[in-house]
Protein backbone atom coordinates (compact mmCIF):
# COMPACT_ATOMS: atom_id res chain seq x y z
CA UNK A 1 198.22 -225.55 61.12
CA UNK A 2 200.03 -222.60 59.49
CA UNK A 3 201.46 -220.05 61.87
CA UNK A 4 200.94 -222.18 64.99
CA UNK A 5 203.67 -222.95 67.55
CA UNK A 6 203.62 -225.90 69.93
CA UNK A 7 205.01 -226.51 73.39
CA UNK A 8 206.93 -229.64 74.45
CA UNK A 9 203.67 -231.56 74.98
CA UNK A 10 202.51 -230.83 71.36
CA UNK A 11 199.72 -228.49 72.43
CA UNK A 12 199.00 -225.36 70.34
CA UNK A 13 200.24 -222.22 72.13
CA UNK A 14 199.92 -219.48 69.49
CA UNK A 15 198.48 -219.31 66.01
CA UNK A 16 199.36 -216.57 63.45
CA UNK A 17 198.44 -216.45 59.77
CA UNK A 18 200.34 -214.32 57.25
CA UNK A 19 198.44 -211.34 55.76
CA UNK A 20 196.25 -212.86 53.10
CA UNK A 21 195.99 -209.67 51.03
CA UNK A 22 199.73 -209.33 50.72
CA UNK A 23 200.09 -212.99 49.77
CA UNK A 24 197.28 -212.61 47.21
CA UNK A 25 199.08 -209.67 45.60
CA UNK A 26 202.29 -211.68 45.33
CA UNK A 27 200.39 -214.59 43.77
CA UNK A 28 198.41 -212.55 41.30
CA UNK A 29 200.86 -209.73 40.44
CA UNK A 30 204.07 -211.65 40.75
CA UNK A 31 205.74 -213.63 38.01
CA UNK A 32 204.18 -217.02 38.73
CA UNK A 33 206.58 -219.72 39.95
CA UNK A 34 209.39 -217.21 40.57
CA UNK A 35 207.49 -215.78 43.54
CA UNK A 36 206.59 -219.18 45.07
CA UNK A 37 209.94 -219.56 47.01
CA UNK A 38 209.65 -215.89 48.13
CA UNK A 39 206.18 -216.42 49.52
CA UNK A 40 207.38 -219.54 51.33
CA UNK A 41 210.31 -217.67 52.89
CA UNK A 42 208.13 -214.72 53.97
CA UNK A 43 205.53 -217.04 55.53
CA UNK A 44 208.25 -218.96 57.36
CA UNK A 45 209.84 -215.83 58.76
CA UNK A 46 206.40 -214.45 59.76
CA UNK A 47 205.67 -217.63 61.65
CA UNK A 48 209.02 -217.23 63.35
CA UNK A 49 207.95 -213.91 64.84
CA UNK A 50 208.17 -211.21 62.19
CA UNK A 51 205.45 -208.52 62.28
CA UNK A 52 202.62 -207.99 59.76
CA UNK A 53 204.12 -204.64 58.86
CA UNK A 54 207.40 -206.36 57.99
CA UNK A 55 205.51 -208.86 55.82
CA UNK A 56 203.75 -206.03 53.94
CA UNK A 57 207.03 -204.14 53.44
CA UNK A 58 208.74 -207.23 52.02
CA UNK A 59 205.79 -208.06 49.73
CA UNK A 60 205.38 -204.53 48.31
CA UNK A 61 209.11 -204.07 48.00
CA UNK A 62 209.42 -207.29 46.04
CA UNK A 63 206.53 -206.32 43.72
CA UNK A 64 208.03 -202.86 43.14
CA UNK A 65 211.42 -204.27 42.36
CA UNK A 66 209.89 -206.81 40.01
CA UNK A 67 207.95 -204.01 38.23
CA UNK A 68 211.01 -201.84 37.81
CA UNK A 69 213.03 -204.73 36.39
CA UNK A 70 210.21 -205.61 34.03
CA UNK A 71 209.89 -202.04 32.78
CA UNK A 72 213.63 -201.82 32.13
CA UNK A 73 213.60 -205.03 30.19
CA UNK A 74 210.31 -204.74 28.29
CA UNK A 75 209.55 -201.03 28.22
CA UNK A 76 210.17 -200.65 24.48
CA UNK A 77 207.93 -203.54 23.40
CA UNK A 78 205.26 -202.42 25.94
CA UNK A 79 205.12 -198.90 24.50
CA UNK A 80 205.36 -200.15 20.96
CA UNK A 81 202.38 -202.48 21.52
CA UNK A 82 200.16 -199.66 22.86
CA UNK A 83 201.19 -197.27 20.08
CA UNK A 84 200.63 -199.96 17.40
CA UNK A 85 197.18 -200.65 18.74
CA UNK A 86 196.28 -196.93 18.74
CA UNK A 87 197.62 -196.42 15.20
CA UNK A 88 195.70 -199.44 13.90
CA UNK A 89 192.54 -198.14 15.56
CA UNK A 90 192.90 -194.68 13.98
CA UNK A 91 193.66 -196.04 10.50
CA UNK A 92 190.85 -198.56 10.67
CA UNK A 93 188.30 -195.96 11.78
CA UNK A 94 189.47 -193.57 9.05
CA UNK A 95 189.06 -196.28 6.45
CA UNK A 96 185.58 -197.18 7.73
CA UNK A 97 184.47 -193.54 7.63
CA UNK A 98 185.48 -193.35 3.97
CA UNK A 99 184.02 -196.71 2.97
CA UNK A 100 180.72 -196.41 4.81
CA UNK A 101 180.19 -192.66 4.42
CA UNK A 102 177.62 -193.13 1.67
CA UNK A 103 175.55 -195.36 3.97
CA UNK A 104 174.81 -192.55 6.39
CA UNK A 105 174.90 -189.46 4.16
CA UNK A 106 171.50 -187.71 3.79
CA UNK A 107 169.83 -190.48 5.74
CA UNK A 108 167.38 -188.08 7.37
CA UNK A 109 166.35 -186.41 4.12
CA UNK A 110 165.68 -189.55 2.07
CA UNK A 111 161.92 -190.07 1.45
CA UNK A 112 161.40 -193.60 0.26
CA UNK A 113 159.79 -196.87 1.37
CA UNK A 114 162.04 -198.66 3.87
CA UNK A 115 162.06 -201.89 1.85
CA UNK A 116 163.30 -200.53 -1.43
CA UNK A 117 166.65 -201.72 -2.81
CA UNK A 118 168.34 -198.51 -1.69
CA UNK A 119 167.08 -198.91 1.85
CA UNK A 120 168.17 -202.58 1.94
CA UNK A 121 171.63 -201.64 0.71
CA UNK A 122 171.87 -199.05 3.45
CA UNK A 123 170.76 -201.64 6.02
CA UNK A 124 173.49 -204.08 4.85
CA UNK A 125 176.04 -201.27 4.88
CA UNK A 126 175.18 -200.35 8.49
CA UNK A 127 175.53 -204.01 9.51
CA UNK A 128 178.89 -204.23 7.78
CA UNK A 129 180.01 -201.03 9.55
CA UNK A 130 179.03 -202.36 12.93
CA UNK A 131 180.70 -205.69 12.20
CA UNK A 132 183.90 -203.87 11.28
CA UNK A 133 183.84 -202.06 14.64
CA UNK A 134 183.67 -205.36 16.53
CA UNK A 135 186.38 -206.82 14.23
CA UNK A 136 188.60 -203.84 15.06
CA UNK A 137 188.29 -204.58 18.78
CA UNK A 138 189.42 -208.19 18.33
CA UNK A 139 192.23 -207.42 15.87
CA UNK A 140 193.63 -204.53 17.86
CA UNK A 141 193.64 -206.58 21.05
CA UNK A 142 195.32 -209.44 19.25
CA UNK A 143 197.97 -207.09 17.84
CA UNK A 144 198.77 -205.47 21.17
CA UNK A 145 199.14 -208.83 22.93
CA UNK A 146 201.29 -210.29 20.15
CA UNK A 147 203.67 -207.35 20.12
CA UNK A 148 204.22 -207.48 23.90
CA UNK A 149 203.91 -211.02 25.29
CA UNK A 150 205.73 -210.60 28.60
CA UNK A 151 202.88 -208.86 30.49
CA UNK A 152 199.85 -209.43 28.33
CA UNK A 153 197.06 -208.39 30.67
CA UNK A 154 198.99 -205.33 31.77
CA UNK A 155 199.58 -204.12 28.19
CA UNK A 156 195.91 -204.84 27.37
CA UNK A 157 194.81 -202.63 30.25
CA UNK A 158 197.27 -199.92 29.18
CA UNK A 159 195.87 -200.06 25.64
CA UNK A 160 192.33 -199.61 26.95
CA UNK A 161 193.39 -196.59 29.05
CA UNK A 162 195.15 -195.08 26.05
CA UNK A 163 191.96 -195.43 23.90
CA UNK A 164 189.83 -193.83 26.64
CA UNK A 165 192.26 -190.93 26.97
CA UNK A 166 192.36 -190.58 23.20
CA UNK A 167 188.58 -190.32 22.93
CA UNK A 168 188.05 -187.78 25.72
CA UNK A 169 188.55 -184.60 23.66
CA UNK A 170 186.39 -185.83 20.72
CA UNK A 171 183.00 -184.80 22.15
CA UNK A 172 181.11 -183.20 19.26
CA UNK A 173 177.46 -183.35 18.32
CA UNK A 174 176.93 -186.71 20.01
CA UNK A 175 175.88 -186.39 23.64
CA UNK A 176 178.40 -187.15 26.33
CA UNK A 177 176.24 -189.96 27.76
CA UNK A 178 176.00 -191.62 24.35
CA UNK A 179 179.76 -191.39 23.80
CA UNK A 180 180.52 -192.78 27.27
CA UNK A 181 178.20 -195.78 26.67
CA UNK A 182 179.63 -196.55 23.24
CA UNK A 183 183.20 -196.15 24.48
CA UNK A 184 182.44 -198.50 27.44
CA UNK A 185 181.05 -201.09 24.98
CA UNK A 186 184.25 -200.83 22.92
CA UNK A 187 186.41 -201.23 26.02
CA UNK A 188 184.43 -204.31 27.03
CA UNK A 189 184.90 -205.80 23.53
CA UNK A 190 188.64 -205.18 23.63
CA UNK A 191 189.03 -206.66 27.10
CA UNK A 192 187.01 -209.77 26.20
CA UNK A 193 188.90 -210.25 22.94
CA UNK A 194 192.26 -209.76 24.62
CA UNK A 195 191.60 -212.15 27.46
CA UNK A 196 190.30 -214.74 25.01
CA UNK A 197 193.52 -214.45 22.99
CA UNK A 198 195.66 -214.73 26.12
CA UNK A 199 194.17 -217.99 27.38
CA UNK A 200 192.27 -219.42 24.45
CA UNK A 201 193.86 -222.86 25.02
CA UNK A 202 192.37 -222.99 28.54
CA UNK A 203 188.84 -221.80 27.67
CA UNK A 204 187.58 -225.40 28.01
CA UNK A 205 188.33 -225.15 31.74
CA UNK A 206 186.45 -221.90 32.27
CA UNK A 207 183.30 -221.98 34.33
CA UNK A 208 179.91 -222.63 32.83
CA UNK A 209 178.61 -219.29 34.07
CA UNK A 210 181.27 -217.47 32.04
CA UNK A 211 180.30 -219.37 28.91
CA UNK A 212 176.63 -218.52 29.46
CA UNK A 213 177.39 -214.85 29.90
CA UNK A 214 179.51 -214.92 26.71
CA UNK A 215 176.66 -216.43 24.68
CA UNK A 216 174.15 -213.99 26.17
CA UNK A 217 176.41 -211.04 25.44
CA UNK A 218 177.04 -212.10 21.81
CA UNK A 219 173.34 -212.62 21.14
CA UNK A 220 172.43 -209.32 22.79
CA UNK A 221 174.95 -207.44 20.67
CA UNK A 222 173.76 -209.04 17.46
CA UNK A 223 170.10 -208.31 18.16
CA UNK A 224 170.81 -204.74 19.17
CA UNK A 225 172.71 -204.05 15.92
CA UNK A 226 169.87 -205.53 13.86
CA UNK A 227 167.17 -203.53 15.65
CA UNK A 228 169.15 -200.28 15.56
CA UNK A 229 169.86 -200.50 11.81
CA UNK A 230 166.27 -201.56 11.04
CA UNK A 231 164.91 -198.57 12.96
CA UNK A 232 167.26 -196.13 11.30
CA UNK A 233 166.48 -197.29 7.78
CA UNK A 234 162.74 -197.66 8.43
CA UNK A 235 162.20 -194.31 10.14
CA UNK A 236 164.71 -192.48 7.90
CA UNK A 237 165.79 -190.59 10.99
CA UNK A 238 169.26 -190.71 12.50
CA UNK A 239 168.53 -189.98 16.16
CA UNK A 240 169.31 -192.37 18.99
CA UNK A 241 166.26 -193.08 21.04
CA UNK A 242 166.44 -193.96 24.76
CA UNK A 243 165.42 -197.52 23.94
CA UNK A 244 168.39 -198.26 21.75
CA UNK A 245 170.75 -196.33 24.00
CA UNK A 246 169.62 -198.49 26.91
CA UNK A 247 170.26 -201.59 24.79
CA UNK A 248 173.84 -200.47 24.15
CA UNK A 249 174.25 -199.63 27.82
CA UNK A 250 173.10 -203.14 28.73
CA UNK A 251 175.57 -204.61 26.23
CA UNK A 252 178.38 -202.53 27.74
CA UNK A 253 177.50 -203.68 31.27
CA UNK A 254 177.29 -207.38 30.31
CA UNK A 255 180.54 -207.06 28.40
CA UNK A 256 182.38 -205.59 31.39
CA UNK A 257 180.97 -208.34 33.64
CA UNK A 258 182.16 -210.99 31.11
CA UNK A 259 185.62 -209.41 31.10
CA UNK A 260 185.71 -209.58 34.90
CA UNK A 261 184.70 -213.26 34.82
CA UNK A 262 187.37 -214.03 32.23
CA UNK A 263 190.02 -212.18 34.23
CA UNK A 264 189.12 -214.09 37.36
CA UNK A 265 188.96 -217.45 35.60
CA UNK A 266 192.30 -216.86 33.89
CA UNK A 267 193.87 -215.90 37.23
CA UNK A 268 192.54 -219.07 38.81
CA UNK A 269 193.85 -221.22 35.95
CA UNK A 270 197.27 -219.55 36.21
CA UNK A 271 197.41 -220.17 39.98
CA UNK A 272 196.42 -223.81 39.46
CA UNK A 273 199.16 -224.33 36.85
CA UNK A 274 201.77 -222.82 39.20
CA UNK A 275 200.63 -224.99 42.09
């Protein structure tokens, strides 16, 4: 029994357990096997009579020192990865705006049957544009993680924060609610793509619930894109109705939940490998 002392007759006199939250932080935020001996030493000294405050001080101090050393060693590649992802995103979006501009121009003024050749070409163009947006999420996440491999989940999170900060001042004619929902969906796509790249070799060990959510999310995104483009070409009106906005909001929510499941499953797999 951890943290228990015994008298000369072998009976339990006192039982103390180390702070679980502090130990969890060391296991999850530490550098894997390097922190295993440290955790063992801290637990042993805690059982010998050290206080909980002492345990927390040692754990947080160790994490802080590890973070500072990591930044000194990998700061250049970390910053380079985030900048490279942002540059790729800007160039890709600029290219898409030029390539697919003709798909959306004068969409509200065109008066023709929705199933003419011109309408079908616009429909295909809208699908290609949406597919390029999803491709951008996966490629940018892959690039960021490949440039900085030392702290992959940390650099992925930093890239997402940089994209959110970059999009804040771009509120134009599109409503704030619409922009927030679409940005959340993009963030979810980047997180899911990045986590898949990080541990793609271990995806066979991921829980069945995570796989089900991934299939559901992919199907929901595909159907939403089809319905949205069909509505826009058929009605010849480029306004986002509440129905389609709610569909994108649902996709964003499911995507964030999937990212959370992947993050948790990857953490569990990492802990199992260390053990």
